[in-house]
Amino acid sequence: MLRDAFRECHDVLEIGSGTGQHAVHFAAHLPHLRWQASDRDENLPGVRSWLDEAALPNTPAPLTLDVAQGPWPAPNAFDAVFSANTLHIMSWAEVETMFAGIARVLRNGGVLAIYGPFNVDGRFTSESNEAFDRALRAAAPHRGIRDTAHVDALALRHGLSLAADHAMPANNRLRIWRAPGP
């Protein structure tokens, strides 16, 4: 699905790269993309390890990026942004800050793709997602599965329109938004 969503893209910023495995996987399978991994400082050693071992020509050194504190890359630096399994571990204020940052770094016509669990119309999409949400909130009250309507409204406030919503395995979704085009 990313192959289709990012077919006209060249520079992708991944927010919350975690271990770096997504960066390696997608950069290897989508060689036309320059896949820029990013994460908080404490996660960068693992990201670097994955990138160094893969030695792909389209994965530059990872950037330090804490969505709440920055530093954010230069405006209009990317024509795509990808993030997986991040919204539910952030506070809503951090999600809002993330979308504001994404809106600044995306070029005209850019694409945002977010993978992870979502609620729909205020409801859990599965019993396992409901249990996961309870576990998230028990560990940290600011965490939780986000509702599609709230995330779509936030995206729209930053000029991003929902372009696609794909059901994925394990009760996850891949949601794709677009910035206004040239």
N, C-alpha and C. Protein backbone atom coordinates (compact mmCIF):
# COMPACT_ATOMS: atom_id res chain seq x y z
N MET A 1 0.81 -1.19 0.00
CA MET A 1 0.00 0.00 0.00
C MET A 1 0.85 1.26 0.00
N LEU A 2 2.00 1.21 0.67
CA LEU A 2 2.89 2.38 0.63
C LEU A 2 3.48 2.57 -0.75
N ARG A 3 3.70 1.48 -1.47
CA ARG A 3 4.23 1.59 -2.83
C ARG A 3 3.30 2.48 -3.67
N ASP A 4 1.99 2.28 -3.51
CA ASP A 4 1.02 3.09 -4.24
C ASP A 4 0.95 4.51 -3.66
N ALA A 5 0.87 4.62 -2.36
CA ALA A 5 0.74 5.94 -1.72
C ALA A 5 1.94 6.83 -1.98
N PHE A 6 3.13 6.23 -2.03
CA PHE A 6 4.37 7.00 -2.18
C PHE A 6 4.95 6.93 -3.60
N ARG A 7 4.17 6.51 -4.59
CA ARG A 7 4.70 6.29 -5.94
C ARG A 7 5.29 7.55 -6.56
N GLU A 8 4.78 8.72 -6.22
CA GLU A 8 5.29 9.97 -6.79
C GLU A 8 6.19 10.72 -5.82
N CYS A 9 6.55 10.08 -4.72
CA CYS A 9 7.37 10.72 -3.69
C CYS A 9 8.84 10.35 -3.86
N HIS A 10 9.68 11.16 -3.22
CA HIS A 10 11.12 10.91 -3.27
C HIS A 10 11.76 10.93 -1.87
N ASP A 11 11.29 11.86 -1.03
CA ASP A 11 11.89 12.06 0.29
C ASP A 11 10.86 11.81 1.37
N VAL A 12 11.09 10.75 2.18
CA VAL A 12 10.15 10.36 3.23
C VAL A 12 10.80 10.56 4.60
N LEU A 13 10.07 11.22 5.48
CA LEU A 13 10.48 11.32 6.88
C LEU A 13 9.68 10.29 7.66
N GLU A 14 10.37 9.39 8.35
CA GLU A 14 9.70 8.46 9.26
C GLU A 14 9.81 9.02 10.67
N ILE A 15 8.67 9.20 11.32
CA ILE A 15 8.64 9.71 12.69
C ILE A 15 8.45 8.53 13.63
N GLY A 16 9.35 8.44 14.61
CA GLY A 16 9.27 7.34 15.57
C GLY A 16 9.77 6.05 14.98
N SER A 17 10.98 6.05 14.47
CA SER A 17 11.53 4.88 13.77
C SER A 17 11.78 3.68 14.68
N GLY A 18 11.78 3.90 15.99
CA GLY A 18 11.93 2.76 16.92
C GLY A 18 13.25 2.05 16.75
N THR A 19 13.20 0.82 16.27
CA THR A 19 14.42 0.04 16.08
C THR A 19 15.11 0.35 14.76
N GLY A 20 14.37 0.86 13.79
CA GLY A 20 14.90 1.09 12.46
C GLY A 20 14.47 0.04 11.46
N GLN A 21 13.76 -0.99 11.92
CA GLN A 21 13.40 -2.08 11.02
C GLN A 21 12.45 -1.64 9.90
N HIS A 22 11.52 -0.71 10.19
CA HIS A 22 10.64 -0.24 9.12
C HIS A 22 11.44 0.51 8.06
N ALA A 23 12.37 1.34 8.50
CA ALA A 23 13.19 2.10 7.56
C ALA A 23 13.94 1.16 6.62
N VAL A 24 14.55 0.13 7.17
CA VAL A 24 15.30 -0.82 6.35
C VAL A 24 14.36 -1.57 5.40
N HIS A 25 13.25 -2.04 5.92
CA HIS A 25 12.31 -2.80 5.08
C HIS A 25 11.78 -1.95 3.93
N PHE A 26 11.26 -0.77 4.24
CA PHE A 26 10.65 0.04 3.19
C PHE A 26 11.69 0.62 2.24
N ALA A 27 12.85 1.02 2.74
CA ALA A 27 13.88 1.55 1.85
C ALA A 27 14.38 0.48 0.88
N ALA A 28 14.45 -0.76 1.34
CA ALA A 28 14.88 -1.86 0.47
C ALA A 28 13.83 -2.16 -0.60
N HIS A 29 12.56 -2.08 -0.24
CA HIS A 29 11.49 -2.42 -1.18
C HIS A 29 11.00 -1.24 -2.01
N LEU A 30 11.39 -0.03 -1.62
CA LEU A 30 11.00 1.17 -2.35
C LEU A 30 12.26 2.00 -2.62
N PRO A 31 13.14 1.49 -3.48
CA PRO A 31 14.45 2.13 -3.65
C PRO A 31 14.41 3.53 -4.27
N HIS A 32 13.26 3.92 -4.83
CA HIS A 32 13.16 5.28 -5.38
C HIS A 32 13.02 6.32 -4.26
N LEU A 33 12.80 5.86 -3.03
CA LEU A 33 12.62 6.77 -1.91
C LEU A 33 13.92 6.96 -1.13
N ARG A 34 14.14 8.18 -0.67
CA ARG A 34 15.17 8.46 0.33
C ARG A 34 14.43 8.42 1.66
N TRP A 35 14.68 7.38 2.46
CA TRP A 35 13.93 7.13 3.68
C TRP A 35 14.70 7.70 4.87
N GLN A 36 14.22 8.81 5.41
CA GLN A 36 14.88 9.49 6.52
C GLN A 36 14.26 9.04 7.85
N ALA A 37 14.96 8.18 8.56
CA ALA A 37 14.51 7.73 9.87
C ALA A 37 14.72 8.85 10.89
N SER A 38 13.86 8.86 11.92
CA SER A 38 14.03 9.82 13.02
C SER A 38 13.41 9.23 14.28
N ASP A 39 13.93 9.67 15.41
CA ASP A 39 13.38 9.26 16.69
C ASP A 39 14.04 10.10 17.77
N ARG A 40 13.61 9.87 19.01
CA ARG A 40 14.24 10.55 20.14
C ARG A 40 15.65 10.00 20.31
N ASP A 41 16.52 10.82 20.90
CA ASP A 41 17.94 10.46 21.04
C ASP A 41 18.17 9.07 21.61
N GLU A 42 17.42 8.70 22.63
CA GLU A 42 17.67 7.42 23.30
C GLU A 42 17.41 6.22 22.40
N ASN A 43 16.65 6.41 21.31
CA ASN A 43 16.37 5.30 20.39
C ASN A 43 17.30 5.25 19.18
N LEU A 44 18.09 6.28 18.99
CA LEU A 44 18.92 6.34 17.78
C LEU A 44 20.01 5.27 17.69
N PRO A 45 20.63 4.80 18.77
CA PRO A 45 21.62 3.74 18.62
C PRO A 45 21.05 2.49 17.92
N GLY A 46 19.85 2.08 18.29
CA GLY A 46 19.22 0.93 17.65
C GLY A 46 18.91 1.19 16.18
N VAL A 47 18.42 2.39 15.89
CA VAL A 47 18.13 2.76 14.50
C VAL A 47 19.42 2.72 13.68
N ARG A 48 20.47 3.32 14.22
CA ARG A 48 21.76 3.34 13.51
C ARG A 48 22.26 1.92 13.24
N SER A 49 22.08 1.04 14.21
CA SER A 49 22.53 -0.34 14.05
C SER A 49 21.83 -1.01 12.86
N TRP A 50 20.51 -0.87 12.78
CA TRP A 50 19.77 -1.45 11.65
C TRP A 50 20.21 -0.83 10.33
N LEU A 51 20.35 0.49 10.30
CA LEU A 51 20.73 1.16 9.06
C LEU A 51 22.15 0.79 8.64
N ASP A 52 23.07 0.74 9.61
CA ASP A 52 24.46 0.38 9.29
C ASP A 52 24.55 -1.04 8.75
N GLU A 53 23.83 -1.97 9.38
CA GLU A 53 23.88 -3.36 8.94
C GLU A 53 23.30 -3.52 7.52
N ALA A 54 22.23 -2.81 7.23
CA ALA A 54 21.60 -2.92 5.91
C ALA A 54 22.43 -2.22 4.84
N ALA A 55 23.11 -1.15 5.20
CA ALA A 55 23.97 -0.38 4.27
C ALA A 55 23.26 -0.04 2.96
N LEU A 56 22.04 0.44 3.07
CA LEU A 56 21.28 0.83 1.88
C LEU A 56 21.67 2.25 1.46
N PRO A 57 21.73 2.50 0.16
CA PRO A 57 22.14 3.83 -0.30
C PRO A 57 21.08 4.91 -0.08
N ASN A 58 19.85 4.51 0.22
CA ASN A 58 18.76 5.49 0.35
C ASN A 58 18.29 5.69 1.80
N THR A 59 19.17 5.37 2.76
CA THR A 59 18.86 5.60 4.17
C THR A 59 19.98 6.41 4.81
N PRO A 60 19.83 7.74 4.83
CA PRO A 60 20.85 8.56 5.50
C PRO A 60 20.84 8.33 7.00
N ALA A 61 21.80 8.88 7.68
CA ALA A 61 21.87 8.77 9.15
C ALA A 61 20.57 9.29 9.75
N PRO A 62 20.08 8.65 10.82
CA PRO A 62 18.82 9.08 11.41
C PRO A 62 18.94 10.45 12.08
N LEU A 63 17.80 11.14 12.11
CA LEU A 63 17.72 12.45 12.74
C LEU A 63 17.16 12.33 14.14
N THR A 64 17.60 13.21 15.01
CA THR A 64 16.98 13.36 16.32
C THR A 64 15.69 14.14 16.12
N LEU A 65 14.56 13.57 16.57
CA LEU A 65 13.29 14.27 16.51
C LEU A 65 12.41 13.79 17.65
N ASP A 66 12.15 14.68 18.57
CA ASP A 66 11.16 14.48 19.61
C ASP A 66 9.99 15.36 19.18
N VAL A 67 8.84 14.76 18.85
CA VAL A 67 7.76 15.54 18.26
C VAL A 67 7.33 16.70 19.15
N ALA A 68 7.47 16.57 20.46
CA ALA A 68 7.04 17.63 21.37
C ALA A 68 8.06 18.75 21.48
N GLN A 69 9.34 18.43 21.27
CA GLN A 69 10.39 19.42 21.51
C GLN A 69 11.24 19.73 20.30
N GLY A 70 11.11 18.95 19.22
CA GLY A 70 11.94 19.17 18.05
C GLY A 70 13.31 18.56 18.25
N PRO A 71 14.27 18.96 17.48
CA PRO A 71 14.13 19.93 16.39
C PRO A 71 13.49 19.28 15.16
N TRP A 72 12.60 20.03 14.54
CA TRP A 72 11.95 19.56 13.31
C TRP A 72 12.83 19.90 12.12
N PRO A 73 12.81 19.05 11.09
CA PRO A 73 13.56 19.37 9.86
C PRO A 73 13.05 20.67 9.23
N ALA A 74 13.75 21.11 8.23
CA ALA A 74 13.41 22.36 7.54
C ALA A 74 12.02 22.28 6.91
N PRO A 75 11.34 23.42 6.82
CA PRO A 75 10.04 23.44 6.15
C PRO A 75 10.13 22.91 4.72
N ASN A 76 9.08 22.23 4.30
CA ASN A 76 8.95 21.73 2.93
C ASN A 76 10.08 20.78 2.53
N ALA A 77 10.66 20.07 3.48
CA ALA A 77 11.80 19.20 3.20
C ALA A 77 11.40 17.82 2.69
N PHE A 78 10.13 17.43 2.87
CA PHE A 78 9.72 16.06 2.53
C PHE A 78 8.42 16.07 1.73
N ASP A 79 8.30 15.11 0.83
CA ASP A 79 7.04 14.96 0.11
C ASP A 79 6.22 13.81 0.67
N ALA A 80 6.72 13.16 1.73
CA ALA A 80 5.95 12.13 2.43
C ALA A 80 6.44 12.02 3.87
N VAL A 81 5.50 11.64 4.74
CA VAL A 81 5.82 11.36 6.14
C VAL A 81 5.13 10.04 6.48
N PHE A 82 5.85 9.18 7.21
CA PHE A 82 5.32 7.90 7.64
C PHE A 82 5.54 7.76 9.14
N SER A 83 4.56 7.19 9.82
CA SER A 83 4.72 6.89 11.24
C SER A 83 3.90 5.64 11.56
N ALA A 84 4.48 4.75 12.33
CA ALA A 84 3.80 3.50 12.70
C ALA A 84 3.79 3.34 14.21
N ASN A 85 2.62 3.02 14.72
CA ASN A 85 2.46 2.68 16.14
C ASN A 85 2.98 3.76 17.08
N THR A 86 2.60 5.00 16.78
CA THR A 86 3.07 6.13 17.59
C THR A 86 1.94 6.89 18.27
N LEU A 87 0.83 7.10 17.59
CA LEU A 87 -0.21 7.99 18.13
C LEU A 87 -0.74 7.51 19.48
N HIS A 88 -0.84 6.21 19.65
CA HIS A 88 -1.42 5.68 20.89
C HIS A 88 -0.45 5.72 22.08
N ILE A 89 0.83 5.98 21.84
CA ILE A 89 1.77 6.08 22.97
C ILE A 89 2.10 7.52 23.33
N MET A 90 1.57 8.47 22.56
CA MET A 90 1.77 9.89 22.83
C MET A 90 0.56 10.45 23.56
N SER A 91 0.76 11.56 24.23
CA SER A 91 -0.38 12.31 24.75
C SER A 91 -1.08 12.98 23.57
N TRP A 92 -2.34 13.38 23.76
CA TRP A 92 -3.04 14.07 22.69
C TRP A 92 -2.33 15.38 22.34
N ALA A 93 -1.78 16.09 23.32
CA ALA A 93 -1.03 17.32 23.04
C ALA A 93 0.17 17.03 22.14
N GLU A 94 0.84 15.91 22.34
CA GLU A 94 1.97 15.54 21.48
C GLU A 94 1.49 15.18 20.07
N VAL A 95 0.34 14.51 19.98
CA VAL A 95 -0.22 14.21 18.66
C VAL A 95 -0.52 15.52 17.93
N GLU A 96 -1.08 16.50 18.63
CA GLU A 96 -1.37 17.80 18.02
C GLU A 96 -0.08 18.48 17.55
N THR A 97 0.96 18.43 18.37
CA THR A 97 2.25 19.03 18.01
C THR A 97 2.85 18.30 16.82
N MET A 98 2.71 16.98 16.79
CA MET A 98 3.23 16.19 15.68
C MET A 98 2.57 16.61 14.36
N PHE A 99 1.26 16.75 14.36
CA PHE A 99 0.57 17.13 13.13
C PHE A 99 0.96 18.54 12.68
N ALA A 100 1.17 19.45 13.62
CA ALA A 100 1.63 20.80 13.27
C ALA A 100 3.01 20.73 12.62
N GLY A 101 3.90 19.91 13.18
CA GLY A 101 5.24 19.75 12.60
C GLY A 101 5.19 19.10 11.23
N ILE A 102 4.34 18.09 11.09
CA ILE A 102 4.20 17.43 9.78
C ILE A 102 3.73 18.41 8.74
N ALA A 103 2.76 19.24 9.08
CA ALA A 103 2.25 20.22 8.13
C ALA A 103 3.35 21.18 7.67
N ARG A 104 4.30 21.47 8.53
CA ARG A 104 5.41 22.38 8.15
C ARG A 104 6.43 21.68 7.25
N VAL A 105 6.72 20.40 7.51
CA VAL A 105 7.79 19.74 6.75
C VAL A 105 7.31 19.16 5.42
N LEU A 106 5.99 18.98 5.26
CA LEU A 106 5.46 18.42 4.01
C LEU A 106 5.43 19.46 2.90
N ARG A 107 5.85 19.04 1.73
CA ARG A 107 5.73 19.89 0.55
C ARG A 107 4.29 19.92 0.07
N ASN A 108 3.98 20.86 -0.83
CA ASN A 108 2.65 20.90 -1.45
C ASN A 108 2.37 19.56 -2.10
N GLY A 109 1.18 19.04 -1.89
CA GLY A 109 0.80 17.75 -2.46
C GLY A 109 1.39 16.57 -1.73
N GLY A 110 2.04 16.80 -0.59
CA GLY A 110 2.69 15.73 0.16
C GLY A 110 1.70 14.75 0.75
N VAL A 111 2.25 13.59 1.17
CA VAL A 111 1.45 12.48 1.67
C VAL A 111 1.86 12.15 3.10
N LEU A 112 0.87 11.94 3.95
CA LEU A 112 1.10 11.47 5.31
C LEU A 112 0.46 10.11 5.43
N ALA A 113 1.22 9.11 5.89
CA ALA A 113 0.70 7.76 6.11
C ALA A 113 0.98 7.36 7.55
N ILE A 114 -0.09 6.99 8.27
CA ILE A 114 0.05 6.57 9.66
C ILE A 114 -0.57 5.19 9.81
N TYR A 115 0.23 4.29 10.40
CA TYR A 115 -0.19 2.91 10.64
C TYR A 115 -0.37 2.70 12.13
N GLY A 116 -1.40 1.98 12.50
CA GLY A 116 -1.60 1.62 13.89
C GLY A 116 -3.05 1.38 14.20
N PRO A 117 -3.37 1.17 15.48
CA PRO A 117 -4.76 0.95 15.87
C PRO A 117 -5.51 2.28 15.95
N PHE A 118 -6.76 2.25 15.56
CA PHE A 118 -7.64 3.41 15.65
C PHE A 118 -9.01 2.95 16.11
N ASN A 119 -9.71 3.80 16.84
CA ASN A 119 -11.12 3.60 17.10
C ASN A 119 -11.89 4.25 15.96
N VAL A 120 -13.12 3.79 15.73
CA VAL A 120 -13.97 4.36 14.68
C VAL A 120 -15.29 4.75 15.31
N ASP A 121 -15.66 6.02 15.15
CA ASP A 121 -16.92 6.53 15.71
C ASP A 121 -17.01 6.29 17.21
N GLY A 122 -15.89 6.47 17.90
CA GLY A 122 -15.86 6.32 19.35
C GLY A 122 -15.90 4.90 19.86
N ARG A 123 -15.77 3.95 18.95
CA ARG A 123 -15.84 2.54 19.34
C ARG A 123 -14.56 1.80 18.99
N PHE A 124 -14.25 0.83 19.81
CA PHE A 124 -13.12 -0.05 19.53
C PHE A 124 -13.49 -0.94 18.35
N THR A 125 -12.53 -1.25 17.53
CA THR A 125 -12.78 -2.09 16.35
C THR A 125 -12.65 -3.58 16.68
N SER A 126 -12.19 -3.90 17.89
CA SER A 126 -12.06 -5.30 18.29
C SER A 126 -11.91 -5.37 19.80
N GLU A 127 -12.17 -6.53 20.35
CA GLU A 127 -11.97 -6.74 21.78
C GLU A 127 -10.48 -6.62 22.13
N SER A 128 -9.61 -7.07 21.21
CA SER A 128 -8.17 -6.99 21.51
C SER A 128 -7.71 -5.53 21.55
N ASN A 129 -8.28 -4.67 20.70
CA ASN A 129 -7.93 -3.25 20.78
C ASN A 129 -8.45 -2.61 22.06
N GLU A 130 -9.62 -3.03 22.52
CA GLU A 130 -10.15 -2.51 23.78
C GLU A 130 -9.24 -2.91 24.94
N ALA A 131 -8.78 -4.16 24.96
CA ALA A 131 -7.86 -4.62 26.00
C ALA A 131 -6.53 -3.89 25.91
N PHE A 132 -6.06 -3.66 24.68
CA PHE A 132 -4.80 -2.95 24.48
C PHE A 132 -4.92 -1.52 25.01
N ASP A 133 -6.04 -0.86 24.73
CA ASP A 133 -6.26 0.50 25.21
C ASP A 133 -6.25 0.54 26.74
N ARG A 134 -6.92 -0.42 27.37
CA ARG A 134 -6.92 -0.47 28.84
C ARG A 134 -5.49 -0.62 29.38
N ALA A 135 -4.70 -1.48 28.74
CA ALA A 135 -3.31 -1.68 29.17
C ALA A 135 -2.48 -0.40 28.97
N LEU A 136 -2.68 0.27 27.85
CA LEU A 136 -1.96 1.52 27.60
C LEU A 136 -2.27 2.56 28.68
N ARG A 137 -3.55 2.74 28.97
CA ARG A 137 -3.98 3.75 29.94
C ARG A 137 -3.58 3.37 31.37
N ALA A 138 -3.52 2.07 31.67
CA ALA A 138 -3.07 1.64 32.99
C ALA A 138 -1.58 1.95 33.18
N ALA A 139 -0.81 1.81 32.11
CA ALA A 139 0.62 2.09 32.18
C ALA A 139 0.91 3.58 32.21
N ALA A 140 0.10 4.36 31.49
CA ALA A 140 0.28 5.82 31.42
C ALA A 140 -1.04 6.43 30.97
N PRO A 141 -1.69 7.18 31.82
CA PRO A 141 -3.04 7.67 31.52
C PRO A 141 -3.16 8.54 30.26
N HIS A 142 -2.07 9.14 29.82
CA HIS A 142 -2.13 9.98 28.62
C HIS A 142 -2.14 9.16 27.32
N ARG A 143 -1.90 7.88 27.42
CA ARG A 143 -1.87 7.02 26.23
C ARG A 143 -3.26 6.50 25.92
N GLY A 144 -3.43 6.02 24.69
CA GLY A 144 -4.69 5.39 24.33
C GLY A 144 -4.89 5.40 22.83
N ILE A 145 -5.72 4.50 22.37
CA ILE A 145 -6.03 4.41 20.94
C ILE A 145 -6.84 5.64 20.55
N ARG A 146 -6.45 6.28 19.47
CA ARG A 146 -7.09 7.52 19.00
C ARG A 146 -8.25 7.21 18.07
N ASP A 147 -9.22 8.10 18.07
CA ASP A 147 -10.39 7.93 17.21
C ASP A 147 -10.16 8.57 15.85
N THR A 148 -10.61 7.88 14.81
CA THR A 148 -10.41 8.38 13.44
C THR A 148 -10.98 9.79 13.27
N ALA A 149 -12.16 10.05 13.84
CA ALA A 149 -12.78 11.37 13.67
C ALA A 149 -11.92 12.47 14.28
N HIS A 150 -11.35 12.23 15.46
CA HIS A 150 -10.51 13.25 16.10
C HIS A 150 -9.22 13.48 15.32
N VAL A 151 -8.62 12.40 14.85
CA VAL A 151 -7.37 12.52 14.08
C VAL A 151 -7.65 13.18 12.74
N ASP A 152 -8.75 12.82 12.09
CA ASP A 152 -9.09 13.45 10.81
C ASP A 152 -9.35 14.95 10.98
N ALA A 153 -10.03 15.33 12.06
CA ALA A 153 -10.29 16.75 12.32
C ALA A 153 -8.98 17.50 12.57
N LEU A 154 -8.07 16.88 13.31
CA LEU A 154 -6.76 17.48 13.55
C LEU A 154 -6.00 17.64 12.24
N ALA A 155 -5.99 16.59 11.43
CA ALA A 155 -5.30 16.66 10.13
C ALA A 155 -5.88 17.79 9.28
N LEU A 156 -7.20 17.89 9.24
CA LEU A 156 -7.87 18.91 8.45
C LEU A 156 -7.50 20.31 8.93
N ARG A 157 -7.37 20.50 10.24
CA ARG A 157 -6.94 21.81 10.77
C ARG A 157 -5.56 22.20 10.25
N HIS A 158 -4.78 21.20 9.86
CA HIS A 158 -3.43 21.47 9.34
C HIS A 158 -3.37 21.31 7.82
N GLY A 159 -4.52 21.34 7.19
CA GLY A 159 -4.57 21.34 5.73
C GLY A 159 -4.44 19.97 5.09
N LEU A 160 -4.57 18.90 5.85
CA LEU A 160 -4.42 17.54 5.33
C LEU A 160 -5.78 16.88 5.19
N SER A 161 -6.07 16.36 4.01
CA SER A 161 -7.36 15.71 3.74
C SER A 161 -7.16 14.21 3.67
N LEU A 162 -8.10 13.47 4.27
CA LEU A 162 -8.02 12.01 4.23
C LEU A 162 -8.17 11.54 2.79
N ALA A 163 -7.21 10.72 2.35
CA ALA A 163 -7.21 10.19 0.99
C ALA A 163 -7.54 8.71 0.96
N ALA A 164 -7.20 7.98 2.03
CA ALA A 164 -7.45 6.54 2.06
C ALA A 164 -7.42 6.04 3.49
N ASP A 165 -8.16 4.95 3.70
CA ASP A 165 -8.20 4.29 5.00
C ASP A 165 -8.26 2.80 4.73
N HIS A 166 -7.17 2.11 5.04
CA HIS A 166 -7.05 0.68 4.73
C HIS A 166 -7.06 -0.14 6.01
N ALA A 167 -7.93 -1.15 6.07
CA ALA A 167 -7.88 -2.12 7.15
C ALA A 167 -6.63 -2.98 6.97
N MET A 168 -5.95 -3.22 8.07
CA MET A 168 -4.71 -3.99 8.05
C MET A 168 -4.82 -5.15 9.04
N PRO A 169 -3.86 -6.07 8.99
CA PRO A 169 -3.88 -7.20 9.95
C PRO A 169 -3.81 -6.72 11.40
N ALA A 170 -4.23 -7.59 12.29
CA ALA A 170 -4.15 -7.39 13.74
C ALA A 170 -4.93 -6.14 14.19
N ASN A 171 -6.05 -5.87 13.52
CA ASN A 171 -6.93 -4.76 13.89
C ASN A 171 -6.26 -3.39 13.83
N ASN A 172 -5.34 -3.23 12.89
CA ASN A 172 -4.69 -1.95 12.64
C ASN A 172 -5.25 -1.35 11.37
N ARG A 173 -4.86 -0.10 11.13
CA ARG A 173 -5.29 0.60 9.92
C ARG A 173 -4.08 1.35 9.36
N LEU A 174 -4.10 1.56 8.06
CA LEU A 174 -3.15 2.47 7.41
C LEU A 174 -3.99 3.60 6.87
N ARG A 175 -3.81 4.78 7.46
CA ARG A 175 -4.59 5.96 7.06
C ARG A 175 -3.67 6.93 6.34
N ILE A 176 -4.16 7.45 5.23
CA ILE A 176 -3.34 8.29 4.36
C ILE A 176 -4.05 9.64 4.14
N TRP A 177 -3.31 10.70 4.38
CA TRP A 177 -3.81 12.06 4.16
C TRP A 177 -2.93 12.76 3.13
N ARG A 178 -3.47 13.77 2.47
CA ARG A 178 -2.71 14.56 1.48
C ARG A 178 -2.77 16.03 1.83
N ALA A 179 -1.63 16.67 1.60
CA ALA A 179 -1.56 18.14 1.69
C ALA A 179 -2.08 18.72 0.38
N PRO A 180 -2.56 19.94 0.41
CA PRO A 180 -3.01 20.55 -0.85
C PRO A 180 -1.88 20.54 -1.88
N GLY A 181 -2.26 20.29 -3.13
CA GLY A 181 -1.26 20.19 -4.20
C GLY A 181 -0.93 21.52 -4.83
N PRO A 182 0.07 21.47 -5.68
CA PRO A 182 0.47 22.70 -6.38
C PRO A 182 -0.58 23.16 -7.36
